[in-house]
Amino acid sequence: MSHLRYGAVDVYVVALPSDRPDGAIVSALADLEASGAVGVIDFLVVSKDAAGDVTVVEIEDDEDGFGLEAGLEQLGILGEDDVAELVELVEPGTSAAIVALEMRWMRDLVERVQASGAEVLQVERVPAAVVNDLVAQLEGAE
């Protein structure tokens, strides 16, 4: 069986109501990391002032690591070009967290698929809001 060092990585850009992530977001990430379901492999906060100037703070550069435990795996896979592209989503005068999450649960699934001789051709992600809206519509049609 082929061994994958990492699973697929999802990158989330989350608009924040302030210049720091809320404790609930940090707690959810820490819980997911502790469960082994995901690995936080990059985490930064970007702020764009009214003039459009951008400030980037990496988790390891923040005084308290945004409240995340020091044991989180920080690979820093998001490069300057990635950040420059993603920060375009951030409105002037606001901040956002950019988090790269390794889907550790997916690594085992893909290894088993490959071991069986099969091959994953594509993965599509349907956002939670879309799924929930669709289910609500379907339930309303009953």
C-alpha atoms as a PDB file:
ATOM      1  CA  MET A   1       0.000   0.000   0.000  1.00  0.00           C
ATOM      2  CA  SER A   2       1.299   3.436  -0.961  1.00  0.00           C
ATOM      3  CA  HIS A   3       1.877   5.695   2.041  1.00  0.00           C
ATOM      4  CA  LEU A   4       0.869   9.326   1.748  1.00  0.00           C
ATOM      5  CA  ARG A   5       2.650  11.711   4.082  1.00  0.00           C
ATOM      6  CA  TYR A   6      -0.204  14.235   3.889  1.00  0.00           C
ATOM      7  CA  GLY A   7      -3.853  14.243   2.958  1.00  0.00           C
ATOM      8  CA  ALA A   8      -5.610  16.800   0.789  1.00  0.00           C
ATOM      9  CA  VAL A   9      -5.460  20.398   2.005  1.00  0.00           C
ATOM     10  CA  ASP A  10      -8.383  22.822   2.081  1.00  0.00           C
ATOM     11  CA  VAL A  11      -7.696  26.530   2.356  1.00  0.00           C
ATOM     12  CA  TYR A  12     -10.318  28.629   4.107  1.00  0.00           C
ATOM     13  CA  VAL A  13     -10.568  32.405   3.945  1.00  0.00           C
ATOM     14  CA  VAL A  14     -12.819  33.555   6.794  1.00  0.00           C
ATOM     15  CA  ALA A  15     -13.899  37.191   7.110  1.00  0.00           C
ATOM     16  CA  LEU A  16     -13.461  38.318  10.706  1.00  0.00           C
ATOM     17  CA  PRO A  17     -15.462  40.916  12.657  1.00  0.00           C
ATOM     18  CA  SER A  18     -12.204  42.194  14.201  1.00  0.00           C
ATOM     19  CA  ASP A  19      -8.472  41.910  13.592  1.00  0.00           C
ATOM     20  CA  ARG A  20      -8.234  38.629  15.535  1.00  0.00           C
ATOM     21  CA  PRO A  21     -10.065  35.311  15.235  1.00  0.00           C
ATOM     22  CA  ASP A  22     -12.754  34.718  17.854  1.00  0.00           C
ATOM     23  CA  GLY A  23     -12.054  32.158  20.566  1.00  0.00           C
ATOM     24  CA  ALA A  24     -14.798  29.895  19.181  1.00  0.00           C
ATOM     25  CA  ILE A  25     -12.969  29.591  15.853  1.00  0.00           C
ATOM     26  CA  VAL A  26      -9.671  28.888  17.576  1.00  0.00           C
ATOM     27  CA  SER A  27     -11.320  26.349  19.881  1.00  0.00           C
ATOM     28  CA  ALA A  28     -12.959  24.536  16.943  1.00  0.00           C
ATOM     29  CA  LEU A  29      -9.618  24.289  15.129  1.00  0.00           C
ATOM     30  CA  ALA A  30      -7.860  23.039  18.270  1.00  0.00           C
ATOM     31  CA  ASP A  31     -10.577  20.415  18.830  1.00  0.00           C
ATOM     32  CA  LEU A  32     -10.351  19.187  15.236  1.00  0.00           C
ATOM     33  CA  GLU A  33      -6.562  19.056  15.478  1.00  0.00           C
ATOM     34  CA  ALA A  34      -6.736  17.105  18.750  1.00  0.00           C
ATOM     35  CA  SER A  35      -9.222  14.619  17.280  1.00  0.00           C
ATOM     36  CA  GLY A  36      -6.823  13.825  14.454  1.00  0.00           C
ATOM     37  CA  ALA A  37      -9.428  14.656  11.783  1.00  0.00           C
ATOM     38  CA  VAL A  38      -7.466  17.615  10.453  1.00  0.00           C
ATOM     39  CA  GLY A  39      -4.084  19.220  10.808  1.00  0.00           C
ATOM     40  CA  VAL A  40      -3.708  22.990  10.884  1.00  0.00           C
ATOM     41  CA  ILE A  41      -0.715  23.414   8.599  1.00  0.00           C
ATOM     42  CA  ASP A  42      -0.864  27.150   8.022  1.00  0.00           C
ATOM     43  CA  PHE A  43      -2.725  29.938   9.813  1.00  0.00           C
ATOM     44  CA  LEU A  44      -2.451  33.639   9.284  1.00  0.00           C
ATOM     45  CA  VAL A  45      -4.520  36.752   9.716  1.00  0.00           C
ATOM     46  CA  VAL A  46      -4.580  39.413   7.032  1.00  0.00           C
ATOM     47  CA  SER A  47      -5.831  42.946   7.567  1.00  0.00           C
ATOM     48  CA  LYS A  48      -6.496  45.439   4.806  1.00  0.00           C
ATOM     49  CA  ASP A  49      -6.729  49.095   5.771  1.00  0.00           C
ATOM     50  CA  ALA A  50      -9.010  51.621   4.049  1.00  0.00           C
ATOM     51  CA  ALA A  51      -6.226  52.496   1.594  1.00  0.00           C
ATOM     52  CA  GLY A  52      -5.832  48.813   0.651  1.00  0.00           C
ATOM     53  CA  ASP A  53      -2.501  48.283   2.414  1.00  0.00           C
ATOM     54  CA  VAL A  54      -2.219  44.728   3.735  1.00  0.00           C
ATOM     55  CA  THR A  55      -0.738  43.454   6.996  1.00  0.00           C
ATOM     56  CA  VAL A  56      -0.108  39.713   7.370  1.00  0.00           C
ATOM     57  CA  VAL A  57       0.445  38.049  10.752  1.00  0.00           C
ATOM     58  CA  GLU A  58       1.520  34.388  10.784  1.00  0.00           C
ATOM     59  CA  ILE A  59       0.422  32.333  13.790  1.00  0.00           C
ATOM     60  CA  GLU A  60       4.015  31.892  14.946  1.00  0.00           C
ATOM     61  CA  ASP A  61       4.549  35.664  14.813  1.00  0.00           C
ATOM     62  CA  ASP A  62       1.548  36.437  17.024  1.00  0.00           C
ATOM     63  CA  GLU A  63       2.244  36.953  20.725  1.00  0.00           C
ATOM     64  CA  ASP A  64      -0.100  34.156  21.858  1.00  0.00           C
ATOM     65  CA  GLY A  65      -0.446  32.236  18.590  1.00  0.00           C
ATOM     66  CA  PHE A  66      -4.043  33.477  18.345  1.00  0.00           C
ATOM     67  CA  GLY A  67      -4.731  31.249  21.335  1.00  0.00           C
ATOM     68  CA  LEU A  68      -3.880  27.960  19.586  1.00  0.00           C
ATOM     69  CA  GLU A  69      -1.716  25.452  21.404  1.00  0.00           C
ATOM     70  CA  ALA A  70       1.957  25.391  20.455  1.00  0.00           C
ATOM     71  CA  GLY A  71       1.748  21.759  19.322  1.00  0.00           C
ATOM     72  CA  LEU A  72      -0.034  22.527  16.076  1.00  0.00           C
ATOM     73  CA  GLU A  73       1.860  21.486  12.975  1.00  0.00           C
ATOM     74  CA  GLN A  74       2.782  24.628  11.073  1.00  0.00           C
ATOM     75  CA  LEU A  75       4.235  23.873   7.669  1.00  0.00           C
ATOM     76  CA  GLY A  76       3.632  27.309   6.236  1.00  0.00           C
ATOM     77  CA  ILE A  77       2.607  26.029   2.805  1.00  0.00           C
ATOM     78  CA  LEU A  78       0.874  29.247   1.789  1.00  0.00           C
ATOM     79  CA  GLY A  79       3.365  31.310  -0.172  1.00  0.00           C
ATOM     80  CA  GLU A  80       3.388  35.021  -0.891  1.00  0.00           C
ATOM     81  CA  ASP A  81       1.628  34.512  -4.244  1.00  0.00           C
ATOM     82  CA  ASP A  82      -1.118  32.475  -2.557  1.00  0.00           C
ATOM     83  CA  VAL A  83      -1.640  35.138   0.091  1.00  0.00           C
ATOM     84  CA  ALA A  84      -1.651  37.930  -2.512  1.00  0.00           C
ATOM     85  CA  GLU A  85      -4.402  36.117  -4.439  1.00  0.00           C
ATOM     86  CA  LEU A  86      -6.481  35.266  -1.367  1.00  0.00           C
ATOM     87  CA  VAL A  87      -6.237  38.747   0.163  1.00  0.00           C
ATOM     88  CA  GLU A  88      -8.132  40.051  -2.880  1.00  0.00           C
ATOM     89  CA  LEU A  89     -11.236  38.569  -1.198  1.00  0.00           C
ATOM     90  CA  VAL A  90     -10.748  40.824   1.838  1.00  0.00           C
ATOM     91  CA  GLU A  91     -12.595  44.137   1.783  1.00  0.00           C
ATOM     92  CA  PRO A  92     -10.681  47.318   2.694  1.00  0.00           C
ATOM     93  CA  GLY A  93     -11.009  48.119   6.388  1.00  0.00           C
ATOM     94  CA  THR A  94     -11.520  44.462   7.367  1.00  0.00           C
ATOM     95  CA  SER A  95      -9.546  41.363   8.356  1.00  0.00           C
ATOM     96  CA  ALA A  96      -9.678  37.670   7.545  1.00  0.00           C
ATOM     97  CA  ALA A  97      -8.130  34.439   8.746  1.00  0.00           C
ATOM     98  CA  ILE A  98      -6.528  32.242   6.118  1.00  0.00           C
ATOM     99  CA  VAL A  99      -6.234  28.678   7.339  1.00  0.00           C
ATOM    100  CA  ALA A 100      -4.803  25.662   5.493  1.00  0.00           C
ATOM    101  CA  LEU A 101      -6.217  22.420   6.887  1.00  0.00           C
ATOM    102  CA  GLU A 102      -4.870  18.992   6.011  1.00  0.00           C
ATOM    103  CA  MET A 103      -7.731  16.522   5.791  1.00  0.00           C
ATOM    104  CA  ARG A 104      -6.028  13.710   7.725  1.00  0.00           C
ATOM    105  CA  TRP A 105      -9.100  11.473   7.569  1.00  0.00           C
ATOM    106  CA  MET A 106      -8.904  11.681   3.779  1.00  0.00           C
ATOM    107  CA  ARG A 107      -5.299  10.468   3.703  1.00  0.00           C
ATOM    108  CA  ASP A 108      -6.333   7.048   5.069  1.00  0.00           C
ATOM    109  CA  LEU A 109      -9.269   6.834   2.657  1.00  0.00           C
ATOM    110  CA  VAL A 110      -7.105   7.643  -0.378  1.00  0.00           C
ATOM    111  CA  GLU A 111      -4.423   5.147   0.716  1.00  0.00           C
ATOM    112  CA  ARG A 112      -7.062   2.408   0.939  1.00  0.00           C
ATOM    113  CA  VAL A 113      -8.561   3.364  -2.406  1.00  0.00           C
ATOM    114  CA  GLN A 114      -5.116   3.212  -4.020  1.00  0.00           C
ATOM    115  CA  ALA A 115      -4.303  -0.092  -2.313  1.00  0.00           C
ATOM    116  CA  SER A 116      -7.431  -1.579  -3.863  1.00  0.00           C
ATOM    117  CA  GLY A 117      -6.167  -0.624  -7.318  1.00  0.00           C
ATOM    118  CA  ALA A 118      -8.704   2.175  -7.715  1.00  0.00           C
ATOM    119  CA  GLU A 119      -7.872   5.815  -8.344  1.00  0.00           C
ATOM    120  CA  VAL A 120      -9.530   9.011  -7.119  1.00  0.00           C
ATOM    121  CA  LEU A 121     -10.224  11.024 -10.269  1.00  0.00           C
ATOM    122  CA  GLN A 122     -11.739  14.135  -8.739  1.00  0.00           C
ATOM    123  CA  VAL A 123     -13.136  15.518  -5.515  1.00  0.00           C
ATOM    124  CA  GLU A 124     -15.778  18.249  -5.448  1.00  0.00           C
ATOM    125  CA  ARG A 125     -16.621  20.248  -2.346  1.00  0.00           C
ATOM    126  CA  VAL A 126     -20.143  21.576  -1.923  1.00  0.00           C
ATOM    127  CA  PRO A 127     -20.154  24.393   0.670  1.00  0.00           C
ATOM    128  CA  ALA A 128     -22.152  23.722   3.846  1.00  0.00           C
ATOM    129  CA  ALA A 129     -24.422  26.719   3.213  1.00  0.00           C
ATOM    130  CA  VAL A 130     -25.387  25.315  -0.201  1.00  0.00           C
ATOM    131  CA  VAL A 131     -26.109  21.833   1.207  1.00  0.00           C
ATOM    132  CA  ASN A 132     -28.191  23.219   4.066  1.00  0.00           C
ATOM    133  CA  ASP A 133     -30.179  25.506   1.756  1.00  0.00           C
ATOM    134  CA  LEU A 134     -30.847  22.614  -0.622  1.00  0.00           C
ATOM    135  CA  VAL A 135     -31.977  20.290   2.188  1.00  0.00           C
ATOM    136  CA  ALA A 136     -34.259  23.012   3.568  1.00  0.00           C
ATOM    137  CA  GLN A 137     -35.790  23.456   0.102  1.00  0.00           C
ATOM    138  CA  LEU A 138     -36.251  19.707  -0.330  1.00  0.00           C
ATOM    139  CA  GLU A 139     -37.840  19.358   3.109  1.00  0.00           C
ATOM    140  CA  GLY A 140     -40.144  22.302   2.354  1.00  0.00           C
ATOM    141  CA  ALA A 141     -41.278  20.583  -0.849  1.00  0.00           C
ATOM    142  CA  GLU A 142     -42.509  17.505   1.023  1.00  0.00           C
END
